[in-house]
Amino acid sequence: MSSAFVRDDDEQWLHDIAPTIGALINYLTCENNDIRVYEKSVYPSPKTGKPVFEMSNGFSYMVDHNNQWTIVD
């Protein structure tokens, strides 16, 4: 079998993505059936002051204290 095929256990998870906006956009676009996801706005978190990225998929994301992406409630 070709190595071009991805096995089910090779999935990436949000917390596995590098803590950069480029990596987040690439991951979200892939998860969205290659329909481009883009950054709509950025604002500081009222709790932590860290940047929160509002994305075109309707969710907001930030890098948490473990340096991993997380969805903001």
Protein backbone atom coordinates (compact mmCIF):
# COMPACT_ATOMS: atom_id res chain seq x y z
CA MET A 1 0.00 0.00 0.00
CA SER A 2 1.21 3.48 -0.79
CA SER A 3 2.56 5.63 2.02
CA ALA A 4 0.50 8.49 0.58
CA PHE A 5 -2.55 7.13 2.35
CA VAL A 6 -3.15 8.36 5.87
CA ARG A 7 -4.07 5.82 8.50
CA ASP A 8 -6.83 6.65 10.96
CA ASP A 9 -4.39 6.59 13.87
CA ASP A 10 -2.24 9.30 12.22
CA GLU A 11 -4.81 12.02 12.95
CA GLN A 12 -3.65 15.30 14.38
CA TRP A 13 -5.49 16.99 17.20
CA LEU A 14 -5.80 20.68 17.93
CA HIS A 15 -3.44 20.41 20.91
CA ASP A 16 -0.79 18.78 18.65
CA ILE A 17 -0.57 21.78 16.31
CA ALA A 18 2.34 24.22 16.62
CA PRO A 19 1.33 27.36 18.54
CA THR A 20 1.43 29.65 15.47
CA ILE A 21 -1.46 31.23 13.59
CA GLY A 22 -0.20 29.76 10.31
CA ALA A 23 -0.27 26.23 11.73
CA LEU A 24 -3.76 26.84 13.13
CA ILE A 25 -5.07 28.08 9.77
CA ASN A 26 -3.58 25.08 7.96
CA TYR A 27 -5.06 22.64 10.49
CA LEU A 28 -8.52 24.24 10.47
CA THR A 29 -8.57 24.42 6.66
CA CYS A 30 -7.71 20.72 6.45
CA GLU A 31 -10.41 19.88 9.02
CA ASN A 32 -12.88 21.99 7.00
CA ASN A 33 -12.52 19.80 3.86
CA ASP A 34 -9.90 22.19 2.44
CA ILE A 35 -12.28 25.16 2.52
CA ARG A 36 -10.07 28.04 3.64
CA VAL A 37 -10.50 29.16 7.26
CA TYR A 38 -9.19 32.64 7.98
CA GLU A 39 -8.64 34.95 10.92
CA LYS A 40 -11.53 37.40 11.41
CA SER A 41 -10.24 39.32 14.43
CA VAL A 42 -7.82 39.21 17.33
CA TYR A 43 -8.48 40.56 20.81
CA PRO A 44 -6.92 40.08 24.24
CA SER A 45 -8.48 37.53 26.56
CA PRO A 46 -10.19 39.29 29.47
CA LYS A 47 -8.88 36.57 31.82
CA THR A 48 -5.28 36.15 30.68
CA GLY A 49 -4.51 39.01 28.29
CA LYS A 50 -3.28 36.48 25.72
CA PRO A 51 -4.45 36.94 22.11
CA VAL A 52 -7.73 35.26 21.17
CA PHE A 53 -8.16 34.55 17.46
CA GLU A 54 -11.71 34.63 16.15
CA MET A 55 -11.78 32.45 13.04
CA SER A 56 -14.16 32.23 10.08
CA ASN A 57 -15.34 28.77 11.17
CA GLY A 58 -17.26 30.38 14.06
CA PHE A 59 -14.87 29.43 16.84
CA SER A 60 -12.25 31.38 18.78
CA TYR A 61 -8.87 29.93 19.72
CA MET A 62 -5.96 30.83 21.95
CA VAL A 63 -2.66 29.33 23.05
CA ASP A 64 -3.02 28.17 26.66
CA HIS A 65 -0.50 28.03 29.52
CA ASN A 66 0.79 24.69 28.15
CA ASN A 67 1.65 26.37 24.84
CA GLN A 68 -1.13 24.44 23.07
CA TRP A 69 -4.11 25.63 21.04
CA THR A 70 -7.47 25.54 22.79
CA ILE A 71 -11.01 26.63 21.91
CA VAL A 72 -12.19 29.64 23.89
CA ASP A 73 -15.67 29.42 25.40
